[in-house]
Amino acid sequence: MPTVKQLAAAVLVVGVIGVPLWLKRTEPVTADRASTTQAASAKTTKAPLPKLVDLGTRTCVPCKAMLVVLDELDRTYAGQLAIEFINVQEQPRLAEEWGVEIIPTQVFVGSDGRELYRHTGYLSTKDIVERWRALGYPLQPPNR
């Protein structure tokens, strides 16, 4: 029968190795990819897209989880929603401009450029889509 120390060590190993591997199971949205998606979207639509701006880092656990969500949103709602990730470690001036003190922070920006809603912490894909609908932007998943 394992001792308490052995169980604690096993939990620690799973947390240190397992969680990062789980979070890396998909490639996150990068600034370059988000810009490419936005450029492609701008060519296919005439009106500006609503935009989700996520401010965080690539090192904090909730921020890493948000990168997975951003990637899913980018793939599922391309052409309907622009995604922007700002790494506040690399661009602290932008974090200051956005008034961000807690990461991750998601800012929902309407197609007119106005901030519509702000959230701090992790936010699931489902919750983000529901929030956009409540804000008057009903995102439609691709036909299956």
Protein backbone atom coordinates (compact mmCIF):
# COMPACT_ATOMS: atom_id res chain seq x y z
CA MET A 1 0.00 0.00 0.00
CA PRO A 2 1.46 3.39 -1.00
CA THR A 3 2.37 5.86 1.70
CA VAL A 4 1.09 9.42 1.86
CA LYS A 5 4.49 10.68 0.65
CA GLN A 6 4.40 8.33 -2.34
CA LEU A 7 0.88 9.45 -3.25
CA ALA A 8 1.88 13.11 -2.90
CA ALA A 9 4.91 12.52 -5.13
CA ALA A 10 2.73 10.81 -7.75
CA VAL A 11 0.25 13.71 -7.75
CA LEU A 12 3.12 16.18 -8.10
CA VAL A 13 4.60 14.29 -11.06
CA VAL A 14 1.23 14.12 -12.81
CA GLY A 15 0.71 17.85 -12.22
CA VAL A 16 4.17 18.86 -13.42
CA ILE A 17 4.26 16.58 -16.46
CA GLY A 18 0.65 15.75 -17.27
CA VAL A 19 -0.94 19.20 -17.20
CA PRO A 20 1.55 20.85 -19.60
CA LEU A 21 1.26 17.89 -21.98
CA TRP A 22 -2.52 18.09 -21.85
CA LEU A 23 -2.42 21.83 -22.54
CA LYS A 24 -0.06 21.31 -25.49
CA ARG A 25 -2.34 18.79 -27.22
CA THR A 26 -3.21 21.46 -29.80
CA GLU A 27 -1.10 24.24 -31.20
CA PRO A 28 -2.13 27.57 -29.66
CA VAL A 29 -2.98 30.67 -31.61
CA THR A 30 0.11 32.73 -32.19
CA ALA A 31 0.25 36.41 -32.92
CA ASP A 32 1.34 35.60 -36.48
CA ARG A 33 -1.49 33.12 -37.01
CA ALA A 34 -4.08 35.49 -35.56
CA SER A 35 -2.87 38.25 -37.89
CA THR A 36 -3.06 35.89 -40.86
CA THR A 37 -6.58 34.85 -39.90
CA GLN A 38 -7.62 38.47 -39.52
CA ALA A 39 -6.13 39.37 -42.90
CA ALA A 40 -7.92 36.45 -44.57
CA SER A 41 -11.17 37.40 -42.84
CA ALA A 42 -10.86 41.00 -43.94
CA LYS A 43 -10.62 39.86 -47.57
CA THR A 44 -13.76 37.72 -47.36
CA THR A 45 -15.95 40.16 -45.44
CA LYS A 46 -16.60 43.84 -45.99
CA ALA A 47 -17.61 44.80 -42.44
CA PRO A 48 -15.06 44.69 -39.62
CA LEU A 49 -15.31 41.62 -37.43
CA PRO A 50 -15.93 41.63 -33.71
CA LYS A 51 -12.68 40.82 -31.92
CA LEU A 52 -11.72 38.86 -28.84
CA VAL A 53 -8.50 40.17 -27.33
CA ASP A 54 -6.85 37.87 -24.80
CA LEU A 55 -4.08 39.34 -22.68
CA GLY A 56 -1.91 36.83 -20.85
CA THR A 57 1.35 34.92 -21.02
CA ARG A 58 2.51 31.59 -22.30
CA THR A 59 3.57 30.51 -18.81
CA CYS A 60 0.62 30.80 -16.40
CA VAL A 61 -1.68 27.75 -16.33
CA PRO A 62 -4.99 29.58 -16.96
CA CYS A 63 -3.29 31.56 -19.76
CA LYS A 64 -2.12 28.33 -21.41
CA ALA A 65 -5.64 26.94 -21.15
CA MET A 66 -6.95 30.10 -22.81
CA LEU A 67 -4.54 29.60 -25.73
CA VAL A 68 -6.26 26.27 -26.42
CA VAL A 69 -9.66 28.03 -26.33
CA LEU A 70 -8.40 30.78 -28.66
CA ASP A 71 -7.17 28.19 -31.13
CA GLU A 72 -10.54 26.42 -31.09
CA LEU A 73 -12.39 29.72 -31.62
CA ASP A 74 -10.00 30.67 -34.42
CA ARG A 75 -10.61 27.37 -36.24
CA THR A 76 -14.36 27.14 -35.62
CA TYR A 77 -15.44 30.75 -36.17
CA ALA A 78 -12.96 31.95 -38.79
CA GLY A 79 -14.49 34.77 -40.82
CA GLN A 80 -16.92 35.64 -38.00
CA LEU A 81 -14.57 36.57 -35.18
CA ALA A 82 -11.07 38.03 -35.05
CA ILE A 83 -8.78 36.64 -32.34
CA GLU A 84 -5.85 38.54 -30.89
CA PHE A 85 -3.44 37.28 -28.22
CA ILE A 86 -1.23 39.80 -26.47
CA ASN A 87 1.65 38.39 -24.45
CA VAL A 88 1.93 40.88 -21.60
CA GLN A 89 5.46 39.73 -20.76
CA GLU A 90 6.62 40.65 -24.25
CA GLN A 91 4.36 43.70 -24.65
CA PRO A 92 3.83 45.26 -21.19
CA ARG A 93 2.95 48.61 -22.78
CA LEU A 94 -0.11 47.05 -24.43
CA ALA A 95 -1.19 45.51 -21.13
CA GLU A 96 -1.00 48.98 -19.62
CA GLU A 97 -2.94 50.52 -22.52
CA TRP A 98 -5.68 47.91 -22.07
CA GLY A 99 -5.68 48.53 -18.30
CA VAL A 100 -4.96 44.89 -17.50
CA GLU A 101 -3.82 44.02 -14.00
CA ILE A 102 -4.93 40.37 -13.79
CA ILE A 103 -4.20 37.70 -16.40
CA PRO A 104 -5.66 36.18 -18.36
CA THR A 105 -8.08 38.93 -19.34
CA GLN A 106 -10.44 38.67 -22.29
CA VAL A 107 -11.79 41.83 -23.90
CA PHE A 108 -14.77 41.58 -26.24
CA VAL A 109 -14.59 44.33 -28.86
CA GLY A 110 -17.52 45.04 -31.17
CA SER A 111 -17.18 45.42 -34.91
CA ASP A 112 -17.32 49.19 -34.32
CA GLY A 113 -14.17 49.01 -32.16
CA ARG A 114 -15.90 49.64 -28.82
CA GLU A 115 -15.20 47.46 -25.80
CA LEU A 116 -18.40 45.57 -25.00
CA TYR A 117 -17.39 43.26 -22.16
CA ARG A 118 -14.36 42.25 -20.11
CA HIS A 119 -13.59 39.06 -18.17
CA THR A 120 -10.62 37.99 -16.07
CA GLY A 121 -9.56 34.37 -15.60
CA TYR A 122 -10.27 31.30 -17.69
CA LEU A 123 -13.34 31.37 -19.94
CA SER A 124 -14.48 28.32 -21.89
CA THR A 125 -15.28 28.29 -25.60
CA LYS A 126 -18.95 27.70 -24.82
CA ASP A 127 -19.07 30.65 -22.41
CA ILE A 128 -17.35 32.91 -24.94
CA VAL A 129 -19.80 31.97 -27.71
CA GLU A 130 -22.75 32.51 -25.33
CA ARG A 131 -21.38 35.93 -24.31
CA TRP A 132 -21.01 36.97 -27.98
CA ARG A 133 -24.63 35.92 -28.58
CA ALA A 134 -25.77 37.98 -25.57
CA LEU A 135 -23.84 40.94 -27.00
CA GLY A 136 -25.69 40.64 -30.32
CA TYR A 137 -23.12 38.63 -32.30
CA PRO A 138 -24.58 35.14 -32.82
CA LEU A 139 -21.57 33.09 -33.96
CA GLN A 140 -22.50 30.14 -36.12
CA PRO A 141 -20.43 26.93 -36.06
CA PRO A 142 -19.73 25.35 -39.45
CA ASN A 143 -22.25 22.84 -40.72
CA ARG A 144 -21.40 19.36 -39.63
